[in-house]
Protein backbone atom coordinates (compact mmCIF):
# COMPACT_ATOMS: atom_id res chain seq x y z
CA UNK A 1 0.00 0.00 0.00
CA UNK A 2 1.25 3.45 -0.88
CA UNK A 3 -0.24 6.82 -0.08
CA UNK A 4 0.84 10.40 -0.34
CA UNK A 5 -0.29 12.54 2.57
CA UNK A 6 -2.29 15.59 1.67
CA UNK A 7 0.27 18.12 2.87
CA UNK A 8 -0.35 20.19 -0.24
CA UNK A 9 -3.80 20.95 1.10
CA UNK A 10 -2.13 22.74 4.01
CA UNK A 11 0.71 24.31 2.04
CA UNK A 12 -1.76 26.75 0.52
CA UNK A 13 -2.02 28.39 3.96
CA UNK A 14 1.58 29.52 3.52
CA UNK A 15 2.05 29.78 -0.23
CA UNK A 16 -1.31 31.05 -1.46
CA UNK A 17 -2.51 33.16 1.47
CA UNK A 18 -2.63 36.27 -0.75
CA UNK A 19 -4.66 34.53 -3.49
CA UNK A 20 -8.44 34.06 -3.61
CA UNK A 21 -9.67 30.90 -1.88
CA UNK A 22 -10.90 29.35 -5.14
CA UNK A 23 -7.38 29.39 -6.62
CA UNK A 24 -6.09 27.53 -3.55
CA UNK A 25 -9.02 25.12 -3.88
CA UNK A 26 -8.33 24.41 -7.56
CA UNK A 27 -4.63 23.82 -6.94
CA UNK A 28 -5.38 21.62 -3.92
CA UNK A 29 -7.93 19.62 -5.90
CA UNK A 30 -5.39 19.12 -8.68
CA UNK A 31 -2.85 17.81 -6.21
CA UNK A 32 -5.51 15.65 -4.56
CA UNK A 33 -6.40 14.15 -7.94
CA UNK A 34 -2.76 13.14 -8.42
CA UNK A 35 -2.69 11.66 -4.91
CA UNK A 36 -5.84 9.63 -5.53
CA UNK A 37 -4.51 8.41 -8.88
CA UNK A 38 -1.77 6.76 -6.80
CA UNK A 39 -3.83 5.87 -3.75
CA UNK A 40 -6.72 4.04 -5.44
CA UNK A 41 -4.53 1.49 -7.26
CA UNK A 42 -2.36 1.13 -4.15
CA UNK A 43 -5.43 0.35 -2.05
CA UNK A 44 -6.62 -2.18 -4.62
CA UNK A 45 -3.23 -3.89 -4.53
CA UNK A 46 -2.98 -3.65 -0.75
CA UNK A 47 -6.49 -5.05 -0.27
CA UNK A 48 -5.31 -8.37 -1.68
CA UNK A 49 -3.24 -8.89 1.50
CA UNK A 50 -4.63 -6.42 4.05
CA UNK A 51 -8.05 -5.73 5.52
CA UNK A 52 -9.74 -2.36 5.10
CA UNK A 53 -9.00 -1.53 8.72
CA UNK A 54 -5.32 -2.35 8.23
CA UNK A 55 -5.16 -0.22 5.09
CA UNK A 56 -6.72 2.75 6.87
CA UNK A 57 -4.53 2.58 9.97
CA UNK A 58 -1.43 2.18 7.80
CA UNK A 59 -2.49 5.19 5.72
CA UNK A 60 -2.92 7.34 8.84
CA UNK A 61 0.45 6.24 10.24
CA UNK A 62 2.20 7.11 6.97
CA UNK A 63 0.36 10.43 6.75
CA UNK A 64 1.39 11.55 10.23
CA UNK A 65 4.95 10.31 9.71
CA UNK A 66 5.22 12.75 6.81
CA UNK A 67 2.95 15.44 8.26
CA UNK A 68 4.93 16.15 11.45
CA UNK A 69 8.18 17.02 9.61
CA UNK A 70 6.09 19.04 7.12
CA UNK A 71 4.53 21.06 9.93
CA UNK A 72 7.83 21.65 11.72
CA UNK A 73 10.21 22.26 8.80
CA UNK A 74 8.02 23.63 6.01
CA UNK A 75 5.27 25.43 7.89
CA UNK A 76 7.68 26.54 10.64
CA UNK A 77 5.53 25.50 13.59
CA UNK A 78 7.20 24.31 16.79
CA UNK A 79 7.61 20.63 17.57
CA UNK A 80 5.28 19.68 20.41
CA UNK A 81 5.38 16.82 22.85
CA UNK A 82 1.80 16.08 21.82
CA UNK A 83 3.16 14.89 18.46
CA UNK A 84 5.10 12.19 20.30
CA UNK A 85 2.00 11.08 22.22
CA UNK A 86 -0.07 11.03 19.02
CA UNK A 87 2.67 9.00 17.33
CA UNK A 88 2.69 6.50 20.18
CA UNK A 89 -1.08 6.16 19.93
CA UNK A 90 -0.71 5.45 16.21
CA UNK A 91 1.97 2.86 16.90
CA UNK A 92 -0.48 1.24 19.31
CA UNK A 93 -3.18 1.32 16.63
CA UNK A 94 -0.81 -0.27 14.12
CA UNK A 95 0.12 -2.96 16.64
CA UNK A 96 -3.47 -3.82 17.51
CA UNK A 97 -4.78 -3.79 13.95
CA UNK A 98 -1.98 -6.06 12.67
CA UNK A 99 -1.73 -8.55 15.53
CA UNK A 100 -3.18 -11.94 14.74
C-alpha atoms as a PDB file:
ATOM      1  CA  UNK A   1       0.000   0.000   0.000  1.00  0.00           C
ATOM      2  CA  UNK A   2       1.245   3.449  -0.884  1.00  0.00           C
ATOM      3  CA  UNK A   3      -0.244   6.816  -0.083  1.00  0.00           C
ATOM      4  CA  UNK A   4       0.841  10.405  -0.343  1.00  0.00           C
ATOM      5  CA  UNK A   5      -0.290  12.541   2.569  1.00  0.00           C
ATOM      6  CA  UNK A   6      -2.295  15.588   1.669  1.00  0.00           C
ATOM      7  CA  UNK A   7       0.273  18.122   2.872  1.00  0.00           C
ATOM      8  CA  UNK A   8      -0.355  20.193  -0.239  1.00  0.00           C
ATOM      9  CA  UNK A   9      -3.803  20.953   1.102  1.00  0.00           C
ATOM     10  CA  UNK A  10      -2.128  22.736   4.011  1.00  0.00           C
ATOM     11  CA  UNK A  11       0.714  24.306   2.042  1.00  0.00           C
ATOM     12  CA  UNK A  12      -1.761  26.749   0.520  1.00  0.00           C
ATOM     13  CA  UNK A  13      -2.021  28.390   3.956  1.00  0.00           C
ATOM     14  CA  UNK A  14       1.584  29.518   3.522  1.00  0.00           C
ATOM     15  CA  UNK A  15       2.051  29.779  -0.228  1.00  0.00           C
ATOM     16  CA  UNK A  16      -1.314  31.047  -1.456  1.00  0.00           C
ATOM     17  CA  UNK A  17      -2.513  33.163   1.468  1.00  0.00           C
ATOM     18  CA  UNK A  18      -2.629  36.268  -0.745  1.00  0.00           C
ATOM     19  CA  UNK A  19      -4.659  34.534  -3.489  1.00  0.00           C
ATOM     20  CA  UNK A  20      -8.441  34.055  -3.614  1.00  0.00           C
ATOM     21  CA  UNK A  21      -9.673  30.897  -1.878  1.00  0.00           C
ATOM     22  CA  UNK A  22     -10.899  29.354  -5.136  1.00  0.00           C
ATOM     23  CA  UNK A  23      -7.378  29.393  -6.616  1.00  0.00           C
ATOM     24  CA  UNK A  24      -6.090  27.534  -3.548  1.00  0.00           C
ATOM     25  CA  UNK A  25      -9.020  25.115  -3.879  1.00  0.00           C
ATOM     26  CA  UNK A  26      -8.328  24.411  -7.563  1.00  0.00           C
ATOM     27  CA  UNK A  27      -4.629  23.823  -6.941  1.00  0.00           C
ATOM     28  CA  UNK A  28      -5.382  21.616  -3.920  1.00  0.00           C
ATOM     29  CA  UNK A  29      -7.933  19.618  -5.903  1.00  0.00           C
ATOM     30  CA  UNK A  30      -5.392  19.121  -8.680  1.00  0.00           C
ATOM     31  CA  UNK A  31      -2.847  17.811  -6.207  1.00  0.00           C
ATOM     32  CA  UNK A  32      -5.513  15.648  -4.559  1.00  0.00           C
ATOM     33  CA  UNK A  33      -6.402  14.151  -7.944  1.00  0.00           C
ATOM     34  CA  UNK A  34      -2.757  13.144  -8.422  1.00  0.00           C
ATOM     35  CA  UNK A  35      -2.692  11.662  -4.907  1.00  0.00           C
ATOM     36  CA  UNK A  36      -5.841   9.631  -5.534  1.00  0.00           C
ATOM     37  CA  UNK A  37      -4.515   8.412  -8.879  1.00  0.00           C
ATOM     38  CA  UNK A  38      -1.772   6.760  -6.800  1.00  0.00           C
ATOM     39  CA  UNK A  39      -3.832   5.872  -3.747  1.00  0.00           C
ATOM     40  CA  UNK A  40      -6.716   4.045  -5.441  1.00  0.00           C
ATOM     41  CA  UNK A  41      -4.528   1.494  -7.264  1.00  0.00           C
ATOM     42  CA  UNK A  42      -2.360   1.134  -4.151  1.00  0.00           C
ATOM     43  CA  UNK A  43      -5.428   0.349  -2.048  1.00  0.00           C
ATOM     44  CA  UNK A  44      -6.616  -2.184  -4.616  1.00  0.00           C
ATOM     45  CA  UNK A  45      -3.232  -3.890  -4.532  1.00  0.00           C
ATOM     46  CA  UNK A  46      -2.984  -3.650  -0.747  1.00  0.00           C
ATOM     47  CA  UNK A  47      -6.486  -5.048  -0.267  1.00  0.00           C
ATOM     48  CA  UNK A  48      -5.306  -8.369  -1.678  1.00  0.00           C
ATOM     49  CA  UNK A  49      -3.242  -8.894   1.499  1.00  0.00           C
ATOM     50  CA  UNK A  50      -4.632  -6.424   4.053  1.00  0.00           C
ATOM     51  CA  UNK A  51      -8.052  -5.735   5.515  1.00  0.00           C
ATOM     52  CA  UNK A  52      -9.740  -2.361   5.097  1.00  0.00           C
ATOM     53  CA  UNK A  53      -8.996  -1.529   8.724  1.00  0.00           C
ATOM     54  CA  UNK A  54      -5.319  -2.353   8.232  1.00  0.00           C
ATOM     55  CA  UNK A  55      -5.163  -0.221   5.089  1.00  0.00           C
ATOM     56  CA  UNK A  56      -6.725   2.754   6.875  1.00  0.00           C
ATOM     57  CA  UNK A  57      -4.526   2.576   9.973  1.00  0.00           C
ATOM     58  CA  UNK A  58      -1.432   2.180   7.798  1.00  0.00           C
ATOM     59  CA  UNK A  59      -2.492   5.193   5.720  1.00  0.00           C
ATOM     60  CA  UNK A  60      -2.920   7.341   8.837  1.00  0.00           C
ATOM     61  CA  UNK A  61       0.446   6.241  10.239  1.00  0.00           C
ATOM     62  CA  UNK A  62       2.199   7.110   6.967  1.00  0.00           C
ATOM     63  CA  UNK A  63       0.359  10.427   6.750  1.00  0.00           C
ATOM     64  CA  UNK A  64       1.388  11.546  10.227  1.00  0.00           C
ATOM     65  CA  UNK A  65       4.946  10.311   9.714  1.00  0.00           C
ATOM     66  CA  UNK A  66       5.224  12.746   6.815  1.00  0.00           C
ATOM     67  CA  UNK A  67       2.947  15.443   8.265  1.00  0.00           C
ATOM     68  CA  UNK A  68       4.931  16.152  11.448  1.00  0.00           C
ATOM     69  CA  UNK A  69       8.183  17.021   9.609  1.00  0.00           C
ATOM     70  CA  UNK A  70       6.095  19.039   7.119  1.00  0.00           C
ATOM     71  CA  UNK A  71       4.526  21.062   9.934  1.00  0.00           C
ATOM     72  CA  UNK A  72       7.826  21.645  11.716  1.00  0.00           C
ATOM     73  CA  UNK A  73      10.209  22.264   8.804  1.00  0.00           C
ATOM     74  CA  UNK A  74       8.019  23.633   6.007  1.00  0.00           C
ATOM     75  CA  UNK A  75       5.271  25.435   7.893  1.00  0.00           C
ATOM     76  CA  UNK A  76       7.676  26.537  10.640  1.00  0.00           C
ATOM     77  CA  UNK A  77       5.535  25.495  13.593  1.00  0.00           C
ATOM     78  CA  UNK A  78       7.196  24.314  16.795  1.00  0.00           C
ATOM     79  CA  UNK A  79       7.613  20.626  17.566  1.00  0.00           C
ATOM     80  CA  UNK A  80       5.283  19.675  20.411  1.00  0.00           C
ATOM     81  CA  UNK A  81       5.379  16.817  22.851  1.00  0.00           C
ATOM     82  CA  UNK A  82       1.803  16.079  21.824  1.00  0.00           C
ATOM     83  CA  UNK A  83       3.158  14.890  18.458  1.00  0.00           C
ATOM     84  CA  UNK A  84       5.097  12.194  20.296  1.00  0.00           C
ATOM     85  CA  UNK A  85       2.004  11.076  22.215  1.00  0.00           C
ATOM     86  CA  UNK A  86      -0.070  11.025  19.024  1.00  0.00           C
ATOM     87  CA  UNK A  87       2.666   8.998  17.330  1.00  0.00           C
ATOM     88  CA  UNK A  88       2.695   6.498  20.182  1.00  0.00           C
ATOM     89  CA  UNK A  89      -1.078   6.162  19.931  1.00  0.00           C
ATOM     90  CA  UNK A  90      -0.708   5.452  16.213  1.00  0.00           C
ATOM     91  CA  UNK A  91       1.968   2.857  16.899  1.00  0.00           C
ATOM     92  CA  UNK A  92      -0.477   1.242  19.305  1.00  0.00           C
ATOM     93  CA  UNK A  93      -3.178   1.318  16.632  1.00  0.00           C
ATOM     94  CA  UNK A  94      -0.810  -0.275  14.115  1.00  0.00           C
ATOM     95  CA  UNK A  95       0.119  -2.958  16.643  1.00  0.00           C
ATOM     96  CA  UNK A  96      -3.468  -3.825  17.513  1.00  0.00           C
ATOM     97  CA  UNK A  97      -4.779  -3.787  13.946  1.00  0.00           C
ATOM     98  CA  UNK A  98      -1.981  -6.058  12.669  1.00  0.00           C
ATOM     99  CA  UNK A  99      -1.725  -8.548  15.527  1.00  0.00           C
ATOM    100  CA  UNK A 100      -3.178 -11.941  14.743  1.00  0.00           C
END
